[in-house]
Amino acid sequence: MPRLVRTCALGRGIQYSAAFVLITKVTAYWIARFRGR
């Protein structure tokens, strides 16, 4: 059972980190676009 919980937590952490990286890249992209004008 602990292994299952750990796998779920790991999967959730990967999802959160992937979403965080995506949001950071999108934000940096928009900042660069607005700054380029």
N, C-alpha and C. Protein backbone atom coordinates (compact mmCIF):
# COMPACT_ATOMS: atom_id res chain seq x y z
N MET A 1 0.83 -1.21 0.00
CA MET A 1 0.00 0.00 0.00
C MET A 1 0.87 1.27 0.00
N PRO A 2 1.90 1.37 0.85
CA PRO A 2 2.73 2.58 0.83
C PRO A 2 3.33 2.84 -0.54
N ARG A 3 3.65 1.77 -1.28
CA ARG A 3 4.25 1.95 -2.60
C ARG A 3 3.24 2.63 -3.54
N LEU A 4 1.98 2.23 -3.44
CA LEU A 4 0.94 2.82 -4.29
C LEU A 4 0.79 4.31 -3.97
N VAL A 5 0.77 4.62 -2.68
CA VAL A 5 0.64 6.03 -2.27
C VAL A 5 1.83 6.83 -2.79
N ARG A 6 3.02 6.24 -2.70
CA ARG A 6 4.21 6.95 -3.16
C ARG A 6 4.15 7.18 -4.67
N THR A 7 3.65 6.17 -5.41
CA THR A 7 3.55 6.32 -6.87
C THR A 7 2.55 7.42 -7.22
N CYS A 8 1.43 7.46 -6.51
CA CYS A 8 0.44 8.50 -6.77
C CYS A 8 1.02 9.88 -6.48
N ALA A 9 1.73 10.00 -5.36
CA ALA A 9 2.33 11.28 -5.01
C ALA A 9 3.37 11.69 -6.04
N LEU A 10 4.14 10.71 -6.52
CA LEU A 10 5.17 11.02 -7.53
C LEU A 10 4.51 11.48 -8.82
N GLY A 11 3.44 10.79 -9.24
CA GLY A 11 2.74 11.18 -10.47
C GLY A 11 2.15 12.58 -10.34
N ARG A 12 1.59 12.87 -9.17
CA ARG A 12 1.01 14.20 -8.96
C ARG A 12 2.10 15.25 -8.97
N GLY A 13 3.25 14.94 -8.38
CA GLY A 13 4.36 15.90 -8.38
C GLY A 13 4.85 16.17 -9.79
N ILE A 14 4.90 15.11 -10.61
CA ILE A 14 5.33 15.30 -12.00
C ILE A 14 4.32 16.16 -12.74
N GLN A 15 3.03 15.93 -12.50
CA GLN A 15 1.99 16.75 -13.15
C GLN A 15 2.13 18.21 -12.75
N TYR A 16 2.31 18.45 -11.43
CA TYR A 16 2.43 19.83 -10.96
C TYR A 16 3.68 20.50 -11.52
N SER A 17 4.80 19.80 -11.55
CA SER A 17 6.03 20.40 -12.07
C SER A 17 5.90 20.67 -13.56
N ALA A 18 5.25 19.77 -14.30
CA ALA A 18 5.06 19.99 -15.74
C ALA A 18 4.17 21.20 -15.97
N ALA A 19 3.10 21.34 -15.18
CA ALA A 19 2.22 22.49 -15.33
C ALA A 19 2.96 23.78 -14.96
N PHE A 20 3.80 23.71 -13.92
CA PHE A 20 4.55 24.90 -13.50
C PHE A 20 5.51 25.33 -14.60
N VAL A 21 6.21 24.37 -15.22
CA VAL A 21 7.15 24.69 -16.30
C VAL A 21 6.39 25.28 -17.48
N LEU A 22 5.23 24.71 -17.80
CA LEU A 22 4.43 25.21 -18.93
C LEU A 22 4.00 26.65 -18.67
N ILE A 23 3.47 26.91 -17.47
CA ILE A 23 3.02 28.27 -17.14
C ILE A 23 4.20 29.24 -17.17
N THR A 24 5.35 28.82 -16.66
CA THR A 24 6.53 29.70 -16.67
C THR A 24 6.95 30.03 -18.10
N LYS A 25 6.94 29.03 -18.98
CA LYS A 25 7.35 29.27 -20.37
C LYS A 25 6.36 30.19 -21.07
N VAL A 26 5.07 29.97 -20.85
CA VAL A 26 4.05 30.83 -21.47
C VAL A 26 4.17 32.26 -20.97
N THR A 27 4.37 32.42 -19.66
CA THR A 27 4.52 33.76 -19.09
C THR A 27 5.75 34.46 -19.67
N ALA A 28 6.88 33.74 -19.74
CA ALA A 28 8.10 34.33 -20.29
C ALA A 28 7.89 34.70 -21.75
N TYR A 29 7.14 33.86 -22.48
CA TYR A 29 6.88 34.13 -23.90
C TYR A 29 6.07 35.42 -24.06
N TRP A 30 5.02 35.58 -23.25
CA TRP A 30 4.20 36.78 -23.37
C TRP A 30 4.97 38.02 -22.93
N ILE A 31 5.79 37.90 -21.88
CA ILE A 31 6.60 39.04 -21.44
C ILE A 31 7.54 39.46 -22.56
N ALA A 32 8.16 38.49 -23.22
CA ALA A 32 9.08 38.80 -24.31
C ALA A 32 8.32 39.46 -25.47
N ARG A 33 7.11 38.99 -25.76
CA ARG A 33 6.34 39.59 -26.85
C ARG A 33 5.97 41.03 -26.53
N PHE A 34 5.47 41.27 -25.32
CA PHE A 34 5.06 42.64 -24.97
C PHE A 34 6.27 43.56 -24.88
N ARG A 35 7.40 43.04 -24.42
CA ARG A 35 8.60 43.86 -24.30
C ARG A 35 9.17 44.15 -25.68
N GLY A 36 8.92 43.26 -26.64
CA GLY A 36 9.47 43.45 -27.99
C GLY A 36 8.77 44.56 -28.75
N ARG A 37 7.54 44.89 -28.36
CA ARG A 37 6.81 45.94 -29.09
C ARG A 37 7.40 47.32 -28.81
